[in-house]
Amino acid sequence: MELPKSEEQLMNHLWVLGEAFMKDLIAAYPDPKPAASTIATHLKRLQNKQAVGYKTYGSVRAYYPLISKQTYFSGRFRRTLKTFFGGSVAQFASFFAKDSDLTDEELETLRHMIEQQIEDRKK
């Protein structure tokens, strides 16, 4: 699932809040805040995509994410990897290391993280 930026922004608020009423979601946005009808439209679309659920309390709904942030961004990263790097993590890592402004310290940290993952898999 890949969400438009506006729906992804709403999901980010839900991931932070966990469960939220419409007023909480609107309050989470910076000024100028979107209209309640805009948020309602995004919530309906996200429900149709099975990304958001809700509980009813009287006449109001509390919305909550049905998909975790990690699951969503993991899938998004896989699609990006496939689209731009032919699915090759090695090509991505090479591009990332060469074309980003990583400091030597950041590269060393990445190397340590990779080495730790290798060690963990051996266990």
N, C-alpha and C. Protein backbone atom coordinates (compact mmCIF):
# COMPACT_ATOMS: atom_id res chain seq x y z
N MET A 1 0.85 -1.18 0.00
CA MET A 1 0.00 0.00 0.00
C MET A 1 0.89 1.24 0.00
N GLU A 2 0.58 2.12 -0.92
CA GLU A 2 1.28 3.41 -0.94
C GLU A 2 0.23 4.49 -0.84
N LEU A 3 0.41 5.35 0.12
CA LEU A 3 -0.57 6.40 0.39
C LEU A 3 -0.13 7.73 -0.20
N PRO A 4 -1.11 8.54 -0.64
CA PRO A 4 -0.77 9.91 -1.03
C PRO A 4 -0.22 10.66 0.20
N LYS A 5 0.51 11.71 -0.06
CA LYS A 5 1.16 12.47 1.01
C LYS A 5 0.17 12.93 2.08
N SER A 6 -1.01 13.38 1.67
CA SER A 6 -1.99 13.88 2.64
C SER A 6 -2.49 12.76 3.56
N GLU A 7 -2.69 11.57 3.02
CA GLU A 7 -3.13 10.44 3.84
C GLU A 7 -1.99 9.93 4.72
N GLU A 8 -0.79 9.96 4.19
CA GLU A 8 0.38 9.56 4.97
C GLU A 8 0.57 10.51 6.16
N GLN A 9 0.35 11.79 5.94
CA GLN A 9 0.46 12.77 7.02
C GLN A 9 -0.56 12.48 8.12
N LEU A 10 -1.78 12.15 7.73
CA LEU A 10 -2.81 11.80 8.70
C LEU A 10 -2.42 10.53 9.46
N MET A 11 -1.89 9.54 8.75
CA MET A 11 -1.45 8.31 9.40
C MET A 11 -0.34 8.61 10.41
N ASN A 12 0.56 9.52 10.06
CA ASN A 12 1.63 9.89 11.01
C ASN A 12 1.04 10.42 12.31
N HIS A 13 0.00 11.22 12.21
CA HIS A 13 -0.65 11.73 13.41
C HIS A 13 -1.28 10.58 14.21
N LEU A 14 -1.92 9.65 13.50
CA LEU A 14 -2.54 8.51 14.19
C LEU A 14 -1.49 7.61 14.84
N TRP A 15 -0.36 7.43 14.18
CA TRP A 15 0.70 6.61 14.78
C TRP A 15 1.21 7.24 16.07
N VAL A 16 1.28 8.55 16.10
CA VAL A 16 1.74 9.24 17.31
C VAL A 16 0.66 9.18 18.40
N LEU A 17 -0.57 9.45 18.01
CA LEU A 17 -1.66 9.53 18.98
C LEU A 17 -2.17 8.16 19.42
N GLY A 18 -2.08 7.18 18.54
CA GLY A 18 -2.57 5.85 18.85
C GLY A 18 -4.06 5.72 18.59
N GLU A 19 -4.85 6.51 19.25
CA GLU A 19 -6.29 6.56 19.04
C GLU A 19 -6.68 8.03 19.17
N ALA A 20 -7.54 8.49 18.26
CA ALA A 20 -7.84 9.93 18.26
C ALA A 20 -9.24 10.21 17.73
N PHE A 21 -9.85 11.20 18.33
CA PHE A 21 -11.11 11.72 17.82
C PHE A 21 -10.79 12.76 16.75
N MET A 22 -11.78 13.12 15.98
CA MET A 22 -11.59 14.10 14.91
C MET A 22 -10.94 15.38 15.44
N LYS A 23 -11.40 15.87 16.58
CA LYS A 23 -10.84 17.12 17.13
C LYS A 23 -9.36 16.96 17.46
N ASP A 24 -8.95 15.76 17.91
CA ASP A 24 -7.54 15.51 18.21
C ASP A 24 -6.70 15.51 16.94
N LEU A 25 -7.25 14.94 15.89
CA LEU A 25 -6.52 14.90 14.62
C LEU A 25 -6.35 16.30 14.05
N ILE A 26 -7.40 17.08 14.07
CA ILE A 26 -7.31 18.45 13.57
C ILE A 26 -6.29 19.24 14.38
N ALA A 27 -6.32 19.07 15.69
CA ALA A 27 -5.38 19.79 16.57
C ALA A 27 -3.93 19.39 16.31
N ALA A 28 -3.70 18.19 15.81
CA ALA A 28 -2.34 17.72 15.56
C ALA A 28 -1.68 18.40 14.36
N TYR A 29 -2.48 18.96 13.49
CA TYR A 29 -1.94 19.63 12.29
C TYR A 29 -1.46 21.04 12.64
N PRO A 30 -0.42 21.49 11.94
CA PRO A 30 0.02 22.88 12.10
C PRO A 30 -0.99 23.81 11.42
N ASP A 31 -0.93 25.08 11.76
CA ASP A 31 -1.77 26.08 11.10
C ASP A 31 -1.25 26.34 9.70
N PRO A 32 -2.07 26.56 8.73
CA PRO A 32 -3.52 26.53 8.79
C PRO A 32 -4.04 25.09 8.82
N LYS A 33 -4.91 24.79 9.72
CA LYS A 33 -5.44 23.45 9.92
C LYS A 33 -6.40 23.09 8.79
N PRO A 34 -6.41 21.82 8.40
CA PRO A 34 -7.36 21.41 7.37
C PRO A 34 -8.79 21.40 7.91
N ALA A 35 -9.75 21.48 7.01
CA ALA A 35 -11.16 21.44 7.40
C ALA A 35 -11.51 20.04 7.89
N ALA A 36 -12.48 19.97 8.77
CA ALA A 36 -12.92 18.67 9.28
C ALA A 36 -13.39 17.77 8.14
N SER A 37 -14.02 18.36 7.13
CA SER A 37 -14.49 17.55 5.99
C SER A 37 -13.32 16.93 5.22
N THR A 38 -12.21 17.63 5.15
CA THR A 38 -11.01 17.10 4.49
C THR A 38 -10.47 15.90 5.27
N ILE A 39 -10.38 16.05 6.58
CA ILE A 39 -9.91 14.96 7.42
C ILE A 39 -10.86 13.77 7.32
N ALA A 40 -12.16 14.04 7.32
CA ALA A 40 -13.16 12.98 7.22
C ALA A 40 -13.01 12.22 5.90
N THR A 41 -12.76 12.93 4.82
CA THR A 41 -12.55 12.29 3.52
C THR A 41 -11.33 11.38 3.55
N HIS A 42 -10.23 11.88 4.11
CA HIS A 42 -9.01 11.07 4.21
C HIS A 42 -9.25 9.84 5.09
N LEU A 43 -9.96 10.02 6.19
CA LEU A 43 -10.25 8.89 7.07
C LEU A 43 -11.09 7.83 6.36
N LYS A 44 -12.06 8.26 5.59
CA LYS A 44 -12.90 7.31 4.83
C LYS A 44 -12.05 6.54 3.83
N ARG A 45 -11.18 7.23 3.12
CA ARG A 45 -10.30 6.56 2.16
C ARG A 45 -9.37 5.57 2.85
N LEU A 46 -8.85 5.97 4.01
CA LEU A 46 -7.95 5.10 4.77
C LEU A 46 -8.70 3.88 5.33
N GLN A 47 -9.96 4.06 5.67
CA GLN A 47 -10.77 2.92 6.09
C GLN A 47 -10.98 1.95 4.93
N ASN A 48 -11.26 2.50 3.75
CA ASN A 48 -11.45 1.66 2.56
C ASN A 48 -10.18 0.88 2.21
N LYS A 49 -9.03 1.44 2.53
CA LYS A 49 -7.74 0.78 2.29
C LYS A 49 -7.34 -0.13 3.45
N GLN A 50 -8.20 -0.22 4.45
CA GLN A 50 -7.97 -1.02 5.65
C GLN A 50 -6.70 -0.60 6.40
N ALA A 51 -6.46 0.70 6.41
CA ALA A 51 -5.33 1.27 7.14
C ALA A 51 -5.78 1.88 8.47
N VAL A 52 -7.09 2.21 8.56
CA VAL A 52 -7.63 2.86 9.75
C VAL A 52 -8.93 2.16 10.16
N GLY A 53 -9.09 2.00 11.46
CA GLY A 53 -10.34 1.51 12.03
C GLY A 53 -10.89 2.54 12.98
N TYR A 54 -12.06 2.25 13.54
CA TYR A 54 -12.62 3.19 14.51
C TYR A 54 -13.51 2.45 15.51
N LYS A 55 -13.68 3.08 16.66
CA LYS A 55 -14.61 2.65 17.69
C LYS A 55 -15.62 3.78 17.85
N THR A 56 -16.85 3.42 18.09
CA THR A 56 -17.88 4.43 18.28
C THR A 56 -18.17 4.59 19.76
N TYR A 57 -18.15 5.83 20.20
CA TYR A 57 -18.51 6.20 21.57
C TYR A 57 -19.68 7.16 21.48
N GLY A 58 -20.88 6.65 21.65
CA GLY A 58 -22.06 7.50 21.48
C GLY A 58 -22.17 7.91 20.03
N SER A 59 -22.08 9.20 19.79
CA SER A 59 -22.19 9.70 18.41
C SER A 59 -20.84 10.10 17.81
N VAL A 60 -19.76 9.82 18.50
CA VAL A 60 -18.43 10.18 17.97
C VAL A 60 -17.58 8.92 17.76
N ARG A 61 -16.62 9.07 16.89
CA ARG A 61 -15.72 7.96 16.56
C ARG A 61 -14.30 8.27 17.02
N ALA A 62 -13.66 7.25 17.51
CA ALA A 62 -12.23 7.32 17.83
C ALA A 62 -11.51 6.46 16.80
N TYR A 63 -10.61 7.06 16.06
CA TYR A 63 -9.90 6.38 14.98
C TYR A 63 -8.56 5.85 15.47
N TYR A 64 -8.12 4.74 14.89
CA TYR A 64 -6.84 4.15 15.25
C TYR A 64 -6.24 3.47 14.02
N PRO A 65 -4.91 3.38 13.97
CA PRO A 65 -4.26 2.74 12.82
C PRO A 65 -4.43 1.22 12.86
N LEU A 66 -4.66 0.63 11.72
CA LEU A 66 -4.71 -0.83 11.59
C LEU A 66 -3.39 -1.39 11.08
N ILE A 67 -2.53 -0.51 10.62
CA ILE A 67 -1.22 -0.91 10.12
C ILE A 67 -0.16 -0.12 10.90
N SER A 68 0.90 -0.79 11.28
CA SER A 68 1.95 -0.10 12.04
C SER A 68 2.79 0.76 11.11
N LYS A 69 3.42 1.74 11.71
CA LYS A 69 4.31 2.62 10.94
C LYS A 69 5.46 1.81 10.34
N GLN A 70 6.00 0.88 11.10
CA GLN A 70 7.11 0.07 10.62
C GLN A 70 6.68 -0.78 9.42
N THR A 71 5.51 -1.39 9.49
CA THR A 71 5.02 -2.21 8.38
C THR A 71 4.81 -1.37 7.14
N TYR A 72 4.20 -0.19 7.31
CA TYR A 72 3.95 0.69 6.17
C TYR A 72 5.25 1.13 5.51
N PHE A 73 6.18 1.64 6.30
CA PHE A 73 7.41 2.16 5.70
C PHE A 73 8.33 1.05 5.20
N SER A 74 8.23 -0.13 5.77
CA SER A 74 8.99 -1.26 5.25
C SER A 74 8.52 -1.60 3.83
N GLY A 75 7.21 -1.64 3.65
CA GLY A 75 6.66 -1.89 2.31
C GLY A 75 7.00 -0.78 1.34
N ARG A 76 6.92 0.44 1.81
CA ARG A 76 7.25 1.58 0.96
C ARG A 76 8.71 1.53 0.53
N PHE A 77 9.59 1.17 1.47
CA PHE A 77 11.01 1.07 1.15
C PHE A 77 11.26 -0.04 0.13
N ARG A 78 10.59 -1.18 0.30
CA ARG A 78 10.76 -2.29 -0.66
C ARG A 78 10.36 -1.87 -2.07
N ARG A 79 9.25 -1.13 -2.17
CA ARG A 79 8.82 -0.66 -3.50
C ARG A 79 9.84 0.31 -4.09
N THR A 80 10.38 1.20 -3.27
CA THR A 80 11.40 2.14 -3.75
C THR A 80 12.65 1.38 -4.19
N LEU A 81 13.04 0.40 -3.40
CA LEU A 81 14.20 -0.42 -3.73
C LEU A 81 14.01 -1.12 -5.07
N LYS A 82 12.83 -1.69 -5.27
CA LYS A 82 12.53 -2.39 -6.52
C LYS A 82 12.49 -1.42 -7.71
N THR A 83 11.85 -0.26 -7.51
CA THR A 83 11.68 0.70 -8.59
C THR A 83 12.99 1.34 -9.03
N PHE A 84 13.80 1.77 -8.06
CA PHE A 84 14.99 2.55 -8.40
C PHE A 84 16.30 1.76 -8.40
N PHE A 85 16.31 0.61 -7.75
CA PHE A 85 17.57 -0.14 -7.63
C PHE A 85 17.42 -1.60 -8.05
N GLY A 86 16.36 -1.90 -8.81
CA GLY A 86 16.17 -3.26 -9.30
C GLY A 86 16.06 -4.29 -8.18
N GLY A 87 15.68 -3.85 -7.01
CA GLY A 87 15.54 -4.75 -5.87
C GLY A 87 16.85 -5.06 -5.18
N SER A 88 17.94 -4.45 -5.62
CA SER A 88 19.26 -4.74 -5.06
C SER A 88 19.59 -3.84 -3.88
N VAL A 89 19.70 -4.46 -2.72
CA VAL A 89 20.09 -3.71 -1.52
C VAL A 89 21.52 -3.21 -1.67
N ALA A 90 22.36 -4.00 -2.30
CA ALA A 90 23.76 -3.61 -2.49
C ALA A 90 23.86 -2.34 -3.35
N GLN A 91 23.06 -2.25 -4.43
CA GLN A 91 23.07 -1.05 -5.26
C GLN A 91 22.56 0.15 -4.47
N PHE A 92 21.53 -0.07 -3.65
CA PHE A 92 21.02 1.01 -2.81
C PHE A 92 22.10 1.48 -1.84
N ALA A 93 22.75 0.53 -1.16
CA ALA A 93 23.78 0.88 -0.18
C ALA A 93 24.92 1.65 -0.84
N SER A 94 25.31 1.21 -2.02
CA SER A 94 26.39 1.89 -2.75
C SER A 94 25.97 3.32 -3.09
N PHE A 95 24.76 3.48 -3.61
CA PHE A 95 24.25 4.81 -3.93
C PHE A 95 24.19 5.67 -2.68
N PHE A 96 23.65 5.12 -1.61
CA PHE A 96 23.49 5.85 -0.36
C PHE A 96 24.83 6.30 0.19
N ALA A 97 25.81 5.41 0.17
CA ALA A 97 27.13 5.74 0.73
C ALA A 97 27.85 6.79 -0.12
N LYS A 98 27.70 6.71 -1.44
CA LYS A 98 28.41 7.63 -2.34
C LYS A 98 27.71 8.98 -2.48
N ASP A 99 26.38 8.95 -2.60
CA ASP A 99 25.66 10.16 -2.98
C ASP A 99 24.99 10.90 -1.83
N SER A 100 25.23 10.47 -0.63
CA SER A 100 24.72 11.24 0.51
C SER A 100 25.91 11.88 1.20
N ASP A 101 25.63 12.84 2.01
CA ASP A 101 26.70 13.57 2.68
C ASP A 101 27.00 12.97 4.06
N LEU A 102 27.18 11.66 4.08
CA LEU A 102 27.48 11.00 5.35
C LEU A 102 28.90 11.33 5.79
N THR A 103 29.04 11.57 7.07
CA THR A 103 30.38 11.79 7.61
C THR A 103 31.06 10.44 7.79
N ASP A 104 32.36 10.47 8.01
CA ASP A 104 33.10 9.24 8.27
C ASP A 104 32.52 8.53 9.50
N GLU A 105 32.16 9.32 10.48
CA GLU A 105 31.58 8.74 11.71
C GLU A 105 30.26 8.03 11.42
N GLU A 106 29.43 8.64 10.59
CA GLU A 106 28.15 8.01 10.24
C GLU A 106 28.37 6.72 9.45
N LEU A 107 29.34 6.74 8.53
CA LEU A 107 29.66 5.52 7.78
C LEU A 107 30.17 4.42 8.71
N GLU A 108 30.98 4.80 9.68
CA GLU A 108 31.48 3.82 10.66
C GLU A 108 30.33 3.25 11.48
N THR A 109 29.39 4.09 11.85
CA THR A 109 28.22 3.63 12.59
C THR A 109 27.42 2.63 11.77
N LEU A 110 27.23 2.94 10.49
CA LEU A 110 26.52 2.01 9.60
C LEU A 110 27.27 0.68 9.48
N ARG A 111 28.58 0.77 9.34
CA ARG A 111 29.37 -0.46 9.23
C ARG A 111 29.20 -1.30 10.50
N HIS A 112 29.25 -0.64 11.65
CA HIS A 112 29.09 -1.36 12.91
C HIS A 112 27.70 -2.03 12.98
N MET A 113 26.67 -1.31 12.55
CA MET A 113 25.32 -1.87 12.57
C MET A 113 25.22 -3.10 11.67
N ILE A 114 25.82 -3.03 10.50
CA ILE A 114 25.80 -4.16 9.57
C ILE A 114 26.57 -5.34 10.14
N GLU A 115 27.73 -5.07 10.70
CA GLU A 115 28.52 -6.14 11.31
C GLU A 115 27.75 -6.79 12.46
N GLN A 116 27.02 -5.99 13.23
CA GLN A 116 26.24 -6.52 14.34
C GLN A 116 25.11 -7.43 13.82
N GLN A 117 24.47 -7.02 12.74
CA GLN A 117 23.43 -7.84 12.13
C GLN A 117 23.98 -9.17 11.65
N ILE A 118 25.17 -9.15 11.07
CA ILE A 118 25.80 -10.38 10.61
C ILE A 118 26.08 -11.31 11.79
N GLU A 119 26.62 -10.76 12.86
CA GLU A 119 26.90 -11.54 14.07
C GLU A 119 25.61 -12.11 14.66
N ASP A 120 24.57 -11.31 14.71
CA ASP A 120 23.29 -11.77 15.26
C ASP A 120 22.72 -12.92 14.46
N ARG A 121 22.87 -12.89 13.16
CA ARG A 121 22.34 -13.95 12.30
C ARG A 121 23.13 -15.25 12.46
N LYS A 122 24.40 -15.16 12.84
CA LYS A 122 25.22 -16.34 13.04
C LYS A 122 24.82 -17.10 14.29
N LYS A 123 24.18 -16.40 15.22
CA LYS A 123 23.83 -17.03 16.50
C LYS A 123 22.64 -17.94 16.40
